[in-house]
């Protein structure tokens, strides 16, 4: 078996890797955005609870939470499919990190614009929706790119719950051929290719959403 054939066989699992990465990233954005928006409203009891959420889930290892969801919940009668377990566990952790990214991006919005919006008669929710949120999302793109690449690097954990992504394919192939060095080098190439495609797509988004004059360009 040639090296090119090894890469081709591993690439058959790339679809699952991309699916896991995109699904977990989308879940992370949804969770992070919800947390950041709720904290922005300034309701003290809720803000304290959400602060605990971000603190806890930023400190929990991905593999521990994944095993808790996939292997632990069936013990109390809740069976979670492999992909759903991966999306839930990694989505919550990514969401906790993205909530902090969004919080910092919200803080970058000029406070004078919020005061002006409220002076024009906008409610707090209207100012948040029409003034703060659009600008925040533009400021947050670089931090989101970093978190998406982190999610991609955690995606190999999907093999532990039976998802046939690149790493699972590599382990099966290595057991049969005993050519571990070539196979795992090929794994690195496949992951780098996926990383390059995803990051190039997000960089294009960042270029379109970049705030004019923010970085001197």
N, C-alpha and C. Protein backbone atom coordinates (compact mmCIF):
# COMPACT_ATOMS: atom_id res chain seq x y z
N UNK A 1 0.84 -1.20 0.00
CA UNK A 1 0.00 0.00 0.00
C UNK A 1 0.87 1.24 0.00
N UNK A 2 0.65 2.14 -0.96
CA UNK A 2 1.44 3.35 -1.07
C UNK A 2 0.97 4.40 -0.06
N UNK A 3 1.81 5.43 0.14
CA UNK A 3 1.45 6.51 1.06
C UNK A 3 0.21 7.24 0.56
N UNK A 4 0.11 7.42 -0.76
CA UNK A 4 -1.05 8.09 -1.34
C UNK A 4 -2.33 7.31 -1.06
N UNK A 5 -2.25 5.98 -1.11
CA UNK A 5 -3.42 5.15 -0.80
C UNK A 5 -3.81 5.28 0.67
N UNK A 6 -2.80 5.37 1.54
CA UNK A 6 -3.07 5.55 2.97
C UNK A 6 -3.83 6.86 3.20
N UNK A 7 -3.34 7.94 2.56
CA UNK A 7 -4.01 9.24 2.69
C UNK A 7 -5.44 9.16 2.17
N UNK A 8 -5.62 8.45 1.05
CA UNK A 8 -6.95 8.31 0.48
C UNK A 8 -7.91 7.58 1.40
N UNK A 9 -7.43 6.52 2.05
CA UNK A 9 -8.27 5.78 2.99
C UNK A 9 -8.63 6.62 4.21
N UNK A 10 -7.67 7.38 4.69
CA UNK A 10 -7.94 8.23 5.85
C UNK A 10 -8.90 9.36 5.50
N UNK A 11 -8.80 9.83 4.27
CA UNK A 11 -9.67 10.94 3.85
C UNK A 11 -11.14 10.53 3.86
N UNK A 12 -11.40 9.23 3.83
CA UNK A 12 -12.80 8.78 3.86
C UNK A 12 -13.47 9.13 5.19
N UNK A 13 -12.66 9.34 6.22
CA UNK A 13 -13.22 9.75 7.51
C UNK A 13 -13.25 11.25 7.70
N UNK A 14 -12.74 12.00 6.70
CA UNK A 14 -12.67 13.46 6.83
C UNK A 14 -14.07 14.08 6.89
N UNK A 15 -15.03 13.47 6.22
CA UNK A 15 -16.39 14.01 6.24
C UNK A 15 -16.96 14.05 7.65
N UNK A 16 -16.72 12.98 8.43
CA UNK A 16 -17.19 12.96 9.81
C UNK A 16 -16.44 13.98 10.66
N UNK A 17 -15.14 14.14 10.39
CA UNK A 17 -14.35 15.12 11.13
C UNK A 17 -14.89 16.53 10.89
N UNK A 18 -15.18 16.84 9.63
CA UNK A 18 -15.72 18.16 9.31
C UNK A 18 -17.11 18.34 9.93
N UNK A 19 -17.93 17.28 9.86
CA UNK A 19 -19.27 17.34 10.44
C UNK A 19 -19.20 17.62 11.93
N UNK A 20 -18.32 16.90 12.63
CA UNK A 20 -18.18 17.10 14.08
C UNK A 20 -17.71 18.51 14.38
N UNK A 21 -16.72 18.98 13.62
CA UNK A 21 -16.17 20.32 13.85
C UNK A 21 -17.21 21.40 13.63
N UNK A 22 -17.93 21.31 12.51
CA UNK A 22 -18.93 22.34 12.19
C UNK A 22 -20.09 22.30 13.18
N UNK A 23 -20.56 21.09 13.51
CA UNK A 23 -21.69 20.96 14.43
C UNK A 23 -21.33 21.48 15.83
N UNK A 24 -20.15 21.11 16.31
CA UNK A 24 -19.72 21.56 17.64
C UNK A 24 -19.46 23.06 17.66
N UNK A 25 -18.90 23.59 16.57
CA UNK A 25 -18.65 25.03 16.49
C UNK A 25 -19.96 25.80 16.48
N UNK A 26 -20.95 25.30 15.72
CA UNK A 26 -22.26 25.96 15.67
C UNK A 26 -22.93 25.95 17.05
N UNK A 27 -22.83 24.81 17.73
CA UNK A 27 -23.40 24.72 19.08
C UNK A 27 -22.68 25.69 20.03
N UNK A 28 -21.37 25.77 19.89
CA UNK A 28 -20.60 26.68 20.73
C UNK A 28 -20.97 28.13 20.50
N UNK A 29 -21.16 28.52 19.24
CA UNK A 29 -21.56 29.89 18.94
C UNK A 29 -22.94 30.19 19.52
N UNK A 30 -23.88 29.25 19.38
CA UNK A 30 -25.22 29.45 19.91
C UNK A 30 -25.21 29.61 21.43
N UNK A 31 -24.47 28.73 22.10
CA UNK A 31 -24.39 28.80 23.57
C UNK A 31 -23.67 30.07 24.01
N UNK A 32 -22.52 30.35 23.39
CA UNK A 32 -21.74 31.52 23.77
C UNK A 32 -22.49 32.82 23.54
N UNK A 33 -23.19 32.90 22.42
CA UNK A 33 -23.95 34.12 22.10
C UNK A 33 -25.10 34.30 23.08
N UNK A 34 -25.79 33.21 23.41
CA UNK A 34 -26.90 33.30 24.37
C UNK A 34 -26.40 33.77 25.73
N UNK A 35 -25.28 33.20 26.18
CA UNK A 35 -24.73 33.58 27.49
C UNK A 35 -24.29 35.04 27.48
N UNK A 36 -23.59 35.46 26.42
CA UNK A 36 -23.10 36.83 26.36
C UNK A 36 -24.24 37.84 26.30
N UNK A 37 -25.30 37.53 25.54
CA UNK A 37 -26.44 38.44 25.44
C UNK A 37 -27.16 38.57 26.78
N UNK A 38 -27.35 37.44 27.45
CA UNK A 38 -28.04 37.47 28.75
C UNK A 38 -27.22 38.23 29.79
N UNK A 39 -25.91 38.04 29.75
CA UNK A 39 -25.06 38.77 30.71
C UNK A 39 -25.04 40.25 30.40
N UNK A 40 -25.21 40.60 29.13
CA UNK A 40 -25.18 42.01 28.73
C UNK A 40 -26.39 42.76 29.26
N UNK A 41 -27.47 42.06 29.53
CA UNK A 41 -28.68 42.72 30.04
C UNK A 41 -28.50 43.20 31.47
N UNK A 42 -27.51 42.64 32.17
CA UNK A 42 -27.18 43.14 33.50
C UNK A 42 -28.09 42.71 34.63
N UNK A 43 -28.77 41.59 34.48
CA UNK A 43 -29.60 41.07 35.57
C UNK A 43 -28.69 40.33 36.55
N UNK A 44 -28.52 40.85 37.73
CA UNK A 44 -27.50 40.37 38.65
C UNK A 44 -27.59 38.87 38.99
N UNK A 45 -28.78 38.36 39.42
CA UNK A 45 -28.83 36.92 39.75
C UNK A 45 -28.47 36.03 38.57
N UNK A 46 -29.00 36.39 37.38
CA UNK A 46 -28.72 35.62 36.17
C UNK A 46 -27.25 35.76 35.78
N UNK A 47 -26.71 36.95 35.93
CA UNK A 47 -25.31 37.18 35.59
C UNK A 47 -24.39 36.32 36.45
N UNK A 48 -24.72 36.19 37.72
CA UNK A 48 -23.92 35.36 38.62
C UNK A 48 -23.98 33.90 38.22
N UNK A 49 -25.15 33.41 37.86
CA UNK A 49 -25.31 32.01 37.45
C UNK A 49 -24.55 31.74 36.16
N UNK A 50 -24.61 32.67 35.21
CA UNK A 50 -23.89 32.49 33.94
C UNK A 50 -22.39 32.59 34.14
N UNK A 51 -21.97 33.39 35.11
CA UNK A 51 -20.55 33.45 35.44
C UNK A 51 -20.04 32.12 35.96
N UNK A 52 -20.86 31.45 36.76
CA UNK A 52 -20.50 30.12 37.25
C UNK A 52 -20.44 29.13 36.09
N UNK A 53 -21.39 29.24 35.16
CA UNK A 53 -21.40 28.35 33.99
C UNK A 53 -20.09 28.46 33.20
N UNK A 54 -19.68 29.68 32.88
CA UNK A 54 -18.46 29.86 32.09
C UNK A 54 -17.22 29.39 32.87
N UNK A 55 -17.22 29.63 34.18
CA UNK A 55 -16.08 29.21 35.00
C UNK A 55 -15.96 27.69 35.04
N UNK A 56 -17.09 27.01 35.22
CA UNK A 56 -17.07 25.55 35.34
C UNK A 56 -16.70 24.90 34.01
N UNK A 57 -17.35 25.29 32.94
CA UNK A 57 -17.14 24.60 31.66
C UNK A 57 -15.83 24.97 30.99
N UNK A 58 -15.22 26.07 31.39
CA UNK A 58 -13.87 26.36 30.89
C UNK A 58 -12.82 25.53 31.61
N UNK A 59 -13.19 24.96 32.75
CA UNK A 59 -12.24 24.17 33.51
C UNK A 59 -12.40 22.67 33.37
N UNK A 60 -13.51 22.21 32.77
CA UNK A 60 -13.75 20.77 32.62
C UNK A 60 -13.05 20.25 31.37
N UNK A 61 -12.23 19.20 31.46
CA UNK A 61 -11.62 18.61 30.26
C UNK A 61 -12.68 18.05 29.32
N UNK A 62 -12.44 18.22 28.03
CA UNK A 62 -13.42 17.78 27.03
C UNK A 62 -13.70 16.29 27.15
N UNK A 63 -12.66 15.48 27.30
CA UNK A 63 -12.84 14.04 27.32
C UNK A 63 -13.64 13.60 28.55
N UNK A 64 -13.44 14.27 29.67
CA UNK A 64 -14.19 13.94 30.89
C UNK A 64 -15.68 14.22 30.69
N UNK A 65 -15.99 15.39 30.13
CA UNK A 65 -17.39 15.74 29.91
C UNK A 65 -18.02 14.83 28.85
N UNK A 66 -17.27 14.49 27.82
CA UNK A 66 -17.78 13.59 26.78
C UNK A 66 -18.12 12.23 27.36
N UNK A 67 -17.23 11.68 28.19
CA UNK A 67 -17.49 10.38 28.80
C UNK A 67 -18.67 10.46 29.79
N UNK A 68 -18.78 11.59 30.47
CA UNK A 68 -19.89 11.77 31.40
C UNK A 68 -21.22 11.75 30.66
N UNK A 69 -21.26 12.40 29.50
CA UNK A 69 -22.49 12.45 28.71
C UNK A 69 -22.79 11.11 28.05
N UNK A 70 -21.77 10.53 27.39
CA UNK A 70 -22.02 9.34 26.58
C UNK A 70 -22.11 8.05 27.41
N UNK A 71 -21.21 7.92 28.40
CA UNK A 71 -21.19 6.70 29.21
C UNK A 71 -21.92 6.85 30.55
N UNK A 72 -22.01 8.10 31.04
CA UNK A 72 -22.61 8.32 32.35
C UNK A 72 -24.12 8.45 32.33
N UNK A 73 -24.64 9.24 31.39
CA UNK A 73 -26.09 9.49 31.36
C UNK A 73 -26.93 8.23 31.16
N UNK A 74 -26.46 7.22 30.37
CA UNK A 74 -27.26 5.99 30.27
C UNK A 74 -27.52 5.33 31.62
N UNK A 75 -26.65 5.60 32.60
CA UNK A 75 -26.84 5.03 33.93
C UNK A 75 -28.07 5.57 34.63
N UNK A 76 -28.57 6.74 34.20
CA UNK A 76 -29.80 7.28 34.79
C UNK A 76 -30.94 7.26 33.77
N UNK A 77 -30.76 6.43 32.72
CA UNK A 77 -31.83 6.24 31.76
C UNK A 77 -31.84 7.17 30.58
N UNK A 78 -30.78 7.96 30.39
CA UNK A 78 -30.71 8.89 29.26
C UNK A 78 -29.63 8.42 28.28
N UNK A 79 -30.03 7.88 27.16
CA UNK A 79 -29.10 7.40 26.16
C UNK A 79 -28.88 8.49 25.11
N UNK A 80 -27.62 8.88 24.90
CA UNK A 80 -27.29 9.96 23.98
C UNK A 80 -26.51 9.40 22.80
N UNK A 81 -26.95 9.63 21.56
CA UNK A 81 -26.20 9.15 20.39
C UNK A 81 -24.80 9.75 20.35
N UNK A 82 -23.86 9.08 19.67
CA UNK A 82 -22.46 9.56 19.65
C UNK A 82 -22.29 10.99 19.18
N UNK A 83 -22.89 11.35 18.04
CA UNK A 83 -22.72 12.71 17.53
C UNK A 83 -23.34 13.73 18.47
N UNK A 84 -24.52 13.42 19.00
CA UNK A 84 -25.17 14.34 19.94
C UNK A 84 -24.34 14.52 21.20
N UNK A 85 -23.72 13.44 21.68
CA UNK A 85 -22.86 13.54 22.87
C UNK A 85 -21.66 14.44 22.60
N UNK A 86 -21.09 14.30 21.41
CA UNK A 86 -19.93 15.13 21.05
C UNK A 86 -20.34 16.59 20.93
N UNK A 87 -21.47 16.85 20.28
CA UNK A 87 -21.94 18.22 20.10
C UNK A 87 -22.29 18.85 21.44
N UNK A 88 -22.94 18.08 22.31
CA UNK A 88 -23.33 18.61 23.62
C UNK A 88 -22.11 18.94 24.47
N UNK A 89 -21.18 18.00 24.58
CA UNK A 89 -20.04 18.22 25.47
C UNK A 89 -19.09 19.29 24.93
N UNK A 90 -18.67 19.14 23.68
CA UNK A 90 -17.74 20.12 23.12
C UNK A 90 -18.43 21.45 22.86
N UNK A 91 -19.72 21.42 22.53
CA UNK A 91 -20.46 22.66 22.32
C UNK A 91 -20.57 23.49 23.58
N UNK A 92 -20.79 22.84 24.72
CA UNK A 92 -20.87 23.57 25.99
C UNK A 92 -19.52 24.18 26.36
N UNK A 93 -18.45 23.44 26.16
CA UNK A 93 -17.12 23.95 26.51
C UNK A 93 -16.73 25.09 25.56
N UNK A 94 -16.94 24.88 24.25
CA UNK A 94 -16.64 25.95 23.30
C UNK A 94 -17.51 27.16 23.57
N UNK A 95 -18.77 26.93 23.94
CA UNK A 95 -19.67 28.02 24.25
C UNK A 95 -19.20 28.85 25.44
N UNK A 96 -18.64 28.18 26.45
CA UNK A 96 -18.13 28.91 27.61
C UNK A 96 -16.97 29.82 27.22
N UNK A 97 -16.08 29.33 26.36
CA UNK A 97 -14.97 30.17 25.90
C UNK A 97 -15.46 31.29 24.98
N UNK A 98 -16.38 30.96 24.07
CA UNK A 98 -16.89 31.99 23.15
C UNK A 98 -17.70 33.05 23.89
N UNK A 99 -18.33 32.69 25.00
CA UNK A 99 -19.05 33.68 25.79
C UNK A 99 -18.11 34.77 26.27
N UNK A 100 -16.88 34.38 26.63
CA UNK A 100 -15.89 35.37 27.06
C UNK A 100 -15.37 36.18 25.87
N UNK A 101 -15.24 35.52 24.71
CA UNK A 101 -14.86 36.24 23.49
C UNK A 101 -15.90 37.31 23.16
N UNK A 102 -17.17 36.92 23.21
CA UNK A 102 -18.25 37.86 22.91
C UNK A 102 -18.34 38.96 23.96
N UNK A 103 -18.09 38.62 25.21
CA UNK A 103 -18.14 39.64 26.26
C UNK A 103 -17.09 40.71 26.01
N UNK A 104 -15.88 40.27 25.65
CA UNK A 104 -14.83 41.24 25.34
C UNK A 104 -15.16 42.07 24.12
N UNK A 105 -15.81 41.43 23.11
CA UNK A 105 -16.20 42.16 21.91
C UNK A 105 -17.30 43.18 22.23
N UNK A 106 -18.22 42.82 23.11
CA UNK A 106 -19.25 43.78 23.53
C UNK A 106 -18.61 44.99 24.20
N UNK A 107 -17.59 44.74 25.02
CA UNK A 107 -16.92 45.84 25.71
C UNK A 107 -16.19 46.77 24.76
N UNK A 108 -15.93 46.30 23.54
CA UNK A 108 -15.24 47.13 22.54
C UNK A 108 -16.18 48.10 21.83
N UNK A 109 -17.48 47.89 21.98
CA UNK A 109 -18.45 48.80 21.36
C UNK A 109 -18.45 50.12 22.12
N UNK A 110 -18.40 51.22 21.40
CA UNK A 110 -18.35 52.56 22.00
C UNK A 110 -19.59 52.80 22.87
N UNK A 111 -19.37 53.07 24.14
CA UNK A 111 -20.48 53.29 25.06
C UNK A 111 -21.31 54.50 24.68
N UNK A 112 -20.68 55.47 24.01
CA UNK A 112 -21.42 56.68 23.62
C UNK A 112 -22.54 56.34 22.63
N UNK A 113 -22.33 55.32 21.80
CA UNK A 113 -23.36 54.94 20.84
C UNK A 113 -24.59 54.36 21.55
N UNK A 114 -24.35 53.63 22.64
CA UNK A 114 -25.46 53.06 23.41
C UNK A 114 -26.25 54.17 24.09
N UNK A 115 -25.53 55.14 24.66
CA UNK A 115 -26.20 56.28 25.31
C UNK A 115 -27.01 57.07 24.29
N UNK A 116 -26.45 57.25 23.09
CA UNK A 116 -27.17 57.99 22.05
C UNK A 116 -28.42 57.24 21.61
N UNK A 117 -28.32 55.92 21.51
CA UNK A 117 -29.48 55.13 21.11
C UNK A 117 -30.59 55.24 22.14
N UNK A 118 -30.23 55.15 23.41
CA UNK A 118 -31.23 55.25 24.47
C UNK A 118 -31.81 56.66 24.55
N UNK A 119 -30.97 57.67 24.22
CA UNK A 119 -31.46 59.06 24.22
C UNK A 119 -32.47 59.29 23.10
N UNK A 120 -32.36 58.49 22.03
CA UNK A 120 -33.30 58.60 20.91
C UNK A 120 -34.59 57.83 21.16
N UNK A 121 -34.68 57.17 22.32
CA UNK A 121 -35.91 56.47 22.67
C UNK A 121 -35.87 54.97 22.52
N UNK A 122 -34.72 54.41 22.15
CA UNK A 122 -34.61 52.96 22.03
C UNK A 122 -34.62 52.32 23.41
N UNK A 123 -35.27 51.16 23.51
CA UNK A 123 -35.22 50.40 24.75
C UNK A 123 -33.86 49.71 24.88
N UNK A 124 -33.61 49.13 26.05
CA UNK A 124 -32.33 48.44 26.25
C UNK A 124 -32.19 47.28 25.27
N UNK A 125 -33.27 46.55 25.05
CA UNK A 125 -33.22 45.42 24.11
C UNK A 125 -33.03 45.88 22.68
N UNK A 126 -33.65 46.99 22.30
CA UNK A 126 -33.47 47.51 20.95
C UNK A 126 -32.04 47.98 20.71
N UNK A 127 -31.47 48.66 21.70
CA UNK A 127 -30.08 49.10 21.57
C UNK A 127 -29.14 47.90 21.45
N UNK A 128 -29.45 46.86 22.21
CA UNK A 128 -28.63 45.65 22.17
C UNK A 128 -28.74 44.99 20.80
N UNK A 129 -29.94 44.94 20.26
CA UNK A 129 -30.16 44.25 18.98
C UNK A 129 -29.61 45.02 17.79
N UNK A 130 -29.85 46.32 17.74
CA UNK A 130 -29.55 47.09 16.54
C UNK A 130 -28.20 47.83 16.59
N UNK A 131 -27.70 48.09 17.78
CA UNK A 131 -26.46 48.86 17.91
C UNK A 131 -25.28 47.99 18.34
N UNK A 132 -25.45 47.27 19.45
CA UNK A 132 -24.34 46.52 20.03
C UNK A 132 -24.04 45.21 19.30
N UNK A 133 -25.08 44.41 19.05
CA UNK A 133 -24.88 43.07 18.50
C UNK A 133 -24.17 43.07 17.14
N UNK A 134 -24.59 43.89 16.17
CA UNK A 134 -23.89 43.86 14.88
C UNK A 134 -22.42 44.21 14.98
N UNK A 135 -22.09 45.21 15.82
CA UNK A 135 -20.69 45.60 15.97
C UNK A 135 -19.90 44.53 16.73
N UNK A 136 -20.54 43.96 17.75
CA UNK A 136 -19.87 42.93 18.54
C UNK A 136 -19.44 41.75 17.68
N UNK A 137 -20.32 41.31 16.79
CA UNK A 137 -20.01 40.16 15.95
C UNK A 137 -18.80 40.44 15.06
N UNK A 138 -18.66 41.67 14.60
CA UNK A 138 -17.50 42.02 13.78
C UNK A 138 -16.21 42.01 14.61
N UNK A 139 -16.29 42.56 15.81
CA UNK A 139 -15.11 42.56 16.68
C UNK A 139 -14.71 41.14 17.11
N UNK A 140 -15.69 40.22 17.17
CA UNK A 140 -15.45 38.89 17.73
C UNK A 140 -14.86 37.90 16.74
N UNK A 141 -14.83 38.22 15.45
CA UNK A 141 -14.42 37.24 14.44
C UNK A 141 -13.03 36.65 14.71
N UNK A 142 -12.00 37.44 15.02
CA UNK A 142 -10.68 36.82 15.28
C UNK A 142 -10.69 35.80 16.42
N UNK A 143 -11.40 36.14 17.51
CA UNK A 143 -11.50 35.20 18.63
C UNK A 143 -12.28 33.95 18.26
N UNK A 144 -13.29 34.11 17.43
CA UNK A 144 -14.06 32.96 16.97
C UNK A 144 -13.20 32.03 16.12
N UNK A 145 -12.33 32.61 15.29
CA UNK A 145 -11.43 31.80 14.47
C UNK A 145 -10.55 30.92 15.36
N UNK A 146 -10.00 31.51 16.41
CA UNK A 146 -9.15 30.73 17.33
C UNK A 146 -9.93 29.59 17.97
N UNK A 147 -11.16 29.85 18.37
CA UNK A 147 -11.95 28.81 19.03
C UNK A 147 -12.34 27.71 18.05
N UNK A 148 -12.63 28.07 16.80
CA UNK A 148 -12.97 27.06 15.80
C UNK A 148 -11.79 26.10 15.57
N UNK A 149 -10.58 26.65 15.53
CA UNK A 149 -9.42 25.78 15.34
C UNK A 149 -9.22 24.88 16.56
N UNK A 150 -9.55 25.37 17.75
CA UNK A 150 -9.46 24.54 18.95
C UNK A 150 -10.47 23.40 18.88
N UNK A 151 -11.67 23.69 18.42
CA UNK A 151 -12.69 22.65 18.26
C UNK A 151 -12.20 21.57 17.29
N UNK A 152 -11.57 21.99 16.19
CA UNK A 152 -11.03 21.02 15.23
C UNK A 152 -10.00 20.12 15.90
N UNK A 153 -9.16 20.68 16.75
CA UNK A 153 -8.12 19.89 17.41
C UNK A 153 -8.71 18.92 18.43
N UNK A 154 -9.90 19.24 18.96
CA UNK A 154 -10.56 18.32 19.89
C UNK A 154 -11.41 17.27 19.17
N UNK A 155 -11.66 17.46 17.88
CA UNK A 155 -12.55 16.54 17.16
C UNK A 155 -12.06 15.09 17.15
N UNK A 156 -10.75 14.79 17.25
CA UNK A 156 -10.35 13.38 17.30
C UNK A 156 -10.93 12.60 18.47
N UNK A 157 -11.39 13.29 19.53
CA UNK A 157 -12.02 12.60 20.64
C UNK A 157 -13.29 11.87 20.21
N UNK A 158 -13.82 12.22 19.03
CA UNK A 158 -15.04 11.58 18.55
C UNK A 158 -14.86 10.08 18.38
N UNK A 159 -13.62 9.63 18.13
CA UNK A 159 -13.41 8.19 17.93
C UNK A 159 -13.70 7.41 19.21
N UNK A 160 -13.58 8.06 20.37
CA UNK A 160 -13.79 7.36 21.63
C UNK A 160 -15.25 6.96 21.85
N UNK A 161 -16.16 7.60 21.11
CA UNK A 161 -17.57 7.23 21.24
C UNK A 161 -18.09 6.55 19.97
N UNK A 162 -17.17 6.13 19.10
CA UNK A 162 -17.54 5.30 17.97
C UNK A 162 -17.80 6.00 16.66
N UNK A 163 -17.50 7.30 16.57
CA UNK A 163 -17.69 8.01 15.30
C UNK A 163 -16.50 7.72 14.39
N UNK A 164 -16.77 7.32 13.16
CA UNK A 164 -15.71 6.87 12.25
C UNK A 164 -15.03 8.05 11.55
N UNK A 165 -14.40 8.91 12.34
CA UNK A 165 -13.67 10.03 11.75
C UNK A 165 -12.24 9.62 11.45
N UNK A 166 -11.39 10.57 11.14
CA UNK A 166 -10.04 10.28 10.66
C UNK A 166 -9.25 9.45 11.65
N UNK A 167 -9.29 9.78 12.93
CA UNK A 167 -8.47 9.08 13.92
C UNK A 167 -8.90 7.62 14.07
N UNK A 168 -10.20 7.38 14.05
CA UNK A 168 -10.67 5.99 14.16
C UNK A 168 -10.21 5.18 12.95
N UNK A 169 -10.28 5.78 11.76
CA UNK A 169 -9.80 5.13 10.55
C UNK A 169 -8.31 4.82 10.67
N UNK A 170 -7.56 5.76 11.23
CA UNK A 170 -6.11 5.59 11.36
C UNK A 170 -5.78 4.45 12.32
N UNK A 171 -6.49 4.35 13.43
CA UNK A 171 -6.23 3.30 14.39
C UNK A 171 -6.51 1.92 13.80
N UNK A 172 -7.61 1.82 13.05
CA UNK A 172 -7.94 0.54 12.42
C UNK A 172 -6.91 0.17 11.37
N UNK A 173 -6.48 1.14 10.58
CA UNK A 173 -5.50 0.90 9.52
C UNK A 173 -4.13 0.55 10.11
N UNK A 174 -3.77 1.21 11.18
CA UNK A 174 -2.48 0.94 11.83
C UNK A 174 -2.44 -0.47 12.42
N UNK A 175 -3.58 -0.92 12.97
CA UNK A 175 -3.63 -2.26 13.55
C UNK A 175 -3.46 -3.34 12.48
N UNK A 176 -3.92 -3.05 11.27
CA UNK A 176 -3.84 -4.03 10.19
C UNK A 176 -2.49 -4.03 9.50
N UNK A 177 -1.94 -2.83 9.26
CA UNK A 177 -0.71 -2.71 8.45
C UNK A 177 0.56 -2.60 9.28
N UNK A 178 0.42 -2.19 10.56
CA UNK A 178 1.59 -1.97 11.44
C UNK A 178 2.54 -0.92 10.86
N UNK A 179 2.00 0.06 10.16
CA UNK A 179 2.80 1.15 9.59
C UNK A 179 2.39 2.46 10.26
N UNK A 180 2.56 2.48 11.58
CA UNK A 180 2.08 3.59 12.37
C UNK A 180 2.68 4.94 12.02
N UNK A 181 3.99 4.99 11.73
CA UNK A 181 4.64 6.27 11.45
C UNK A 181 4.02 6.91 10.21
N UNK A 182 3.90 6.14 9.14
CA UNK A 182 3.33 6.68 7.90
C UNK A 182 1.87 7.06 8.08
N UNK A 183 1.14 6.21 8.78
CA UNK A 183 -0.30 6.45 8.93
C UNK A 183 -0.57 7.71 9.73
N UNK A 184 0.12 7.87 10.86
CA UNK A 184 -0.17 9.04 11.69
C UNK A 184 0.44 10.32 11.11
N UNK A 185 1.46 10.19 10.28
CA UNK A 185 1.94 11.35 9.53
C UNK A 185 0.88 11.76 8.51
N UNK A 186 0.26 10.76 7.89
CA UNK A 186 -0.83 11.04 6.96
C UNK A 186 -2.01 11.69 7.68
N UNK A 187 -2.29 11.23 8.91
CA UNK A 187 -3.35 11.85 9.72
C UNK A 187 -3.07 13.34 9.91
N UNK A 188 -1.81 13.66 10.22
CA UNK A 188 -1.44 15.06 10.41
C UNK A 188 -1.70 15.87 9.15
N UNK A 189 -1.38 15.29 7.99
CA UNK A 189 -1.61 15.99 6.72
C UNK A 189 -3.10 16.22 6.47
N UNK A 190 -3.91 15.21 6.76
CA UNK A 190 -5.35 15.33 6.54
C UNK A 190 -5.93 16.41 7.44
N UNK A 191 -5.53 16.40 8.72
CA UNK A 191 -6.04 17.42 9.64
C UNK A 191 -5.58 18.81 9.24
N UNK A 192 -4.34 18.91 8.76
CA UNK A 192 -3.86 20.22 8.33
C UNK A 192 -4.65 20.71 7.13
N UNK A 193 -4.98 19.81 6.21
CA UNK A 193 -5.77 20.19 5.03
C UNK A 193 -7.15 20.69 5.46
N UNK A 194 -7.77 19.96 6.39
CA UNK A 194 -9.09 20.39 6.89
C UNK A 194 -8.98 21.75 7.57
N UNK A 195 -7.95 21.89 8.39
CA UNK A 195 -7.71 23.17 9.09
C UNK A 195 -7.55 24.32 8.10
N UNK A 196 -6.77 24.08 7.06
CA UNK A 196 -6.51 25.13 6.09
C UNK A 196 -7.77 25.55 5.37
N UNK A 197 -8.61 24.59 4.99
CA UNK A 197 -9.86 24.91 4.29
C UNK A 197 -10.80 25.71 5.20
N UNK A 198 -10.98 25.23 6.45
CA UNK A 198 -11.89 25.90 7.37
C UNK A 198 -11.41 27.30 7.73
N UNK A 199 -10.12 27.43 8.01
CA UNK A 199 -9.59 28.73 8.41
C UNK A 199 -9.62 29.71 7.25
N UNK A 200 -9.34 29.24 6.04
CA UNK A 200 -9.41 30.11 4.87
C UNK A 200 -10.82 30.65 4.69
N UNK A 201 -11.82 29.79 4.90
CA UNK A 201 -13.21 30.22 4.79
C UNK A 201 -13.54 31.27 5.85
N UNK A 202 -13.07 31.06 7.08
CA UNK A 202 -13.37 32.01 8.15
C UNK A 202 -12.58 33.31 7.95
N UNK A 203 -11.35 33.21 7.45
CA UNK A 203 -10.58 34.42 7.16
C UNK A 203 -11.28 35.28 6.11
N UNK A 204 -11.91 34.63 5.13
CA UNK A 204 -12.67 35.37 4.12
C UNK A 204 -13.83 36.11 4.78
N UNK A 205 -14.48 35.44 5.74
CA UNK A 205 -15.55 36.08 6.48
C UNK A 205 -15.02 37.25 7.29
N UNK A 206 -13.86 37.05 7.94
CA UNK A 206 -13.28 38.13 8.74
C UNK A 206 -12.96 39.34 7.87
N UNK A 207 -12.43 39.10 6.68
CA UNK A 207 -12.09 40.20 5.77
C UNK A 207 -13.33 40.99 5.38
N UNK A 208 -14.43 40.28 5.17
CA UNK A 208 -15.67 40.97 4.79
C UNK A 208 -16.28 41.72 5.97
N UNK A 209 -16.07 41.20 7.19
CA UNK A 209 -16.71 41.79 8.36
C UNK A 209 -15.80 42.74 9.13
N UNK A 210 -14.55 42.88 8.69
CA UNK A 210 -13.59 43.70 9.43
C UNK A 210 -14.08 45.13 9.57
N UNK A 211 -13.92 45.68 10.76
CA UNK A 211 -14.33 47.07 11.02
C UNK A 211 -13.32 47.99 10.35
N UNK A 212 -13.74 48.86 9.42
CA UNK A 212 -12.80 49.75 8.73
C UNK A 212 -12.02 50.63 9.69
N UNK A 213 -10.71 50.67 9.49
CA UNK A 213 -9.86 51.52 10.32
C UNK A 213 -9.47 50.94 11.65
N UNK A 214 -10.03 49.76 12.02
CA UNK A 214 -9.76 49.20 13.34
C UNK A 214 -8.31 48.77 13.48
N UNK A 215 -7.72 48.23 12.39
CA UNK A 215 -6.34 47.76 12.44
C UNK A 215 -5.43 48.61 11.58
N UNK A 216 -5.86 49.80 11.27
CA UNK A 216 -5.00 50.71 10.51
C UNK A 216 -5.08 50.52 9.01
N UNK A 217 -5.99 49.65 8.51
CA UNK A 217 -6.10 49.43 7.08
C UNK A 217 -7.38 50.04 6.52
